[in-house]
Structures are given as C-alpha cells and as structure tokens.
Amino acid sequence: MPVTTDIVRTWRRPREVMRDLLAQGRREDRAIAYLMIACFLIFVAQWPRLSRLAAGFDLPPGADVPTLDRLMAYEFMAWLMIWPLFLYIFAALTHIVAKLFGGQGDWYGARLALFWTMLATTPLLLLYGLTAGFMGPGVETRLVGGLWVAAFVVIWLQCLREAESKE
C-alpha cells in the first residue's frame, strides 16, 4: 500500500498497520527512509515558526533578531543529523525496556515502531508548525502540541506492542 494510505490507516488501526509493515520483512532501508522523511517533514514544519522569529516576533526584550538562514541551518542540522542518531538510541532503549517486560520482538521492530510513528504523526506536527507560525506561543499552539504528544504516545505504544509481541 502507498505510505499515505498507511498513514491514514495508522490513525485508526496502528497495530494492524505495524503488523503489515513487519510482514514485509526486515527492510532497514525502509526504516531509515521513514525516519529521514519524518525528520525532513518536521524540519519543514518549523519554517513558519522560524519565519516568525526572524521577523522579530516572540523574542525576549533586548534580544537581537536572528537571521532566517541561520535559524534554518540550525534546525536542518538538528533534525536531519542529530535527531536521527538520538532516535536510534531511543529505539534501542525502548527495546531493552520492552524485553524487561517480556517483549519478544527484535531491535528492528522497535526501530520500525518508533520511526513509523514519527512519520505517521507528522501531519499533526505540520499543523503545529502552522499554528506556531501564525498564532505564536499561546493556548492554540499548546493545544495542537498536546494533541500531537498524545497521538504520538498512543500510536507509538500500540506499534511497539505489536512489534514486541512476536519475532
């Protein structure tokens, strides 16, 4: 199935989608592609907020207005080089914790569960980026961010549960 269809399906039945992804066999190239696409989309989701900062909004009093190219370079470095490494480590730690609680999956399943959840929840992160860019810090932005956190945790735990339930 196309990735976009699987993303929509994940919001309704995450375990079923994870089962289908695991049934495709061990594909490290696909797992890292999910991660890198998710990180790139999260980077894109930051653009409205970064534009707002570069325009001088939401800065502490007396702070220098940063240039947009500098802000974009820092975000690019963070989301496409540093976060992927951190997420690999985090996936390994979650697999170890799952093993302590009786998980029977493998390292690949834990990675796939986390990376797929990152990709599947990016539509809500894109909305968060727009909200942060247009509305600035406030209740609306925190509400959308909270919805993303809740959706991420629920979908990720369901995907991880499926990945750790069998080898």
Foldseek 3Di string as FASTA:
>chain_A
DDLVVLLVVLLPPLLVSLVVVVVVDQDPVVLVVLQQVLLVLLLVLQLLLLVCQQVPPPDPPPDDRDHSVVVSVVSCCCSRPPVVVVLLVVLVVVVVVVVVVPFAADSSQSSSLLSSLSNSLSVLSSVLSVCCNPVNDDDVSVVSVVVSVVSSVVSSVSSSCSRRNHD
